[in-house]
Amino acid sequence: MAQINVSFGTYNVTRDTDNVEGKGVKVSTMDGIPVYAYAKIDWWNTDAIVEALERDKDKLIQFEKRKRGMN
């Protein structure tokens, strides 16, 4: 597991062990709420993870709000 800092917060990123291709990461909030998963990103590629999180910023914020019951 790694903590990834982006412009809108910090997220826990873990390797997706369910993916048969050996790729993929799961993204969750710092308090453990699952937010999103990326199937085609290597778990060790920090630059690609940060780029994907920044690109999907609005989507991730919306998913987090929905899971917290704020929407």
Protein backbone atom coordinates (compact mmCIF):
# COMPACT_ATOMS: atom_id res chain seq x y z
CA MET A 1 0.00 0.00 0.00
CA ALA A 2 1.14 3.51 -0.75
CA GLN A 3 -0.11 6.94 0.16
CA ILE A 4 -0.39 9.12 -2.91
CA ASN A 5 -0.64 12.90 -2.57
CA VAL A 6 -2.50 14.80 -5.27
CA SER A 7 -3.74 18.37 -5.52
CA PHE A 8 -7.09 17.54 -3.88
CA GLY A 9 -6.01 15.20 -1.08
CA THR A 10 -4.18 12.04 -0.12
CA TYR A 11 -5.32 8.55 -1.04
CA ASN A 12 -4.31 5.00 -0.20
CA VAL A 13 -3.46 2.98 -3.28
CA THR A 14 -3.16 -0.80 -3.13
CA ARG A 15 -2.37 -3.43 -5.70
CA ASP A 16 -5.48 -5.07 -7.19
CA THR A 17 -4.76 -8.74 -6.58
CA ASP A 18 -8.06 -9.75 -8.24
CA ASN A 19 -6.81 -8.71 -11.69
CA VAL A 20 -5.51 -11.74 -13.58
CA GLU A 21 -3.19 -9.63 -15.77
CA GLY A 22 -1.16 -8.63 -12.72
CA LYS A 23 -1.99 -4.96 -13.21
CA GLY A 24 -4.42 -2.68 -11.50
CA VAL A 25 -4.74 -0.57 -8.39
CA LYS A 26 -7.53 0.16 -5.94
CA VAL A 27 -7.92 3.69 -4.59
CA SER A 28 -9.41 4.46 -1.19
CA THR A 29 -9.62 7.42 1.15
CA MET A 30 -7.25 7.69 4.07
CA ASP A 31 -9.98 6.32 6.34
CA GLY A 32 -10.55 3.27 4.13
CA ILE A 33 -13.55 4.16 1.97
CA PRO A 34 -13.08 2.57 -1.48
CA VAL A 35 -13.34 5.22 -4.17
CA TYR A 36 -12.17 3.85 -7.51
CA ALA A 37 -10.06 1.22 -9.28
CA TYR A 38 -7.81 1.37 -12.31
CA ALA A 39 -7.40 -1.95 -14.11
CA LYS A 40 -4.65 -1.04 -16.56
CA ILE A 41 -2.18 0.79 -14.36
CA ASP A 42 0.80 -1.04 -12.94
CA TRP A 43 0.80 -0.93 -9.15
CA TRP A 44 4.42 0.25 -9.04
CA ASN A 45 3.99 3.13 -11.54
CA THR A 46 3.51 6.11 -9.23
CA ASP A 47 3.60 8.67 -12.04
CA ALA A 48 0.79 6.93 -13.92
CA ILE A 49 -1.28 6.66 -10.73
CA VAL A 50 -0.89 10.36 -9.93
CA GLU A 51 -1.70 11.29 -13.53
CA ALA A 52 -4.88 9.18 -13.48
CA LEU A 53 -6.00 10.58 -10.13
CA GLU A 54 -5.47 14.17 -11.27
CA ARG A 55 -7.24 13.49 -14.58
CA ASP A 56 -10.26 11.98 -12.77
CA LYS A 57 -10.30 14.52 -9.94
CA ASP A 58 -13.96 15.55 -10.31
CA LYS A 59 -15.14 11.95 -10.62
CA LEU A 60 -13.20 10.85 -7.54
CA ILE A 61 -14.46 13.75 -5.43
CA GLN A 62 -18.04 12.97 -6.52
CA PHE A 63 -17.67 9.24 -5.70
CA GLU A 64 -16.23 10.06 -2.29
CA LYS A 65 -19.05 12.48 -1.49
CA ARG A 66 -21.64 9.91 -2.55
CA LYS A 67 -20.07 7.18 -0.41
CA ARG A 68 -20.01 9.52 2.57
CA GLY A 69 -23.70 10.33 2.05
CA MET A 70 -22.98 13.97 1.22
CA ASN A 71 -24.77 13.90 -2.12
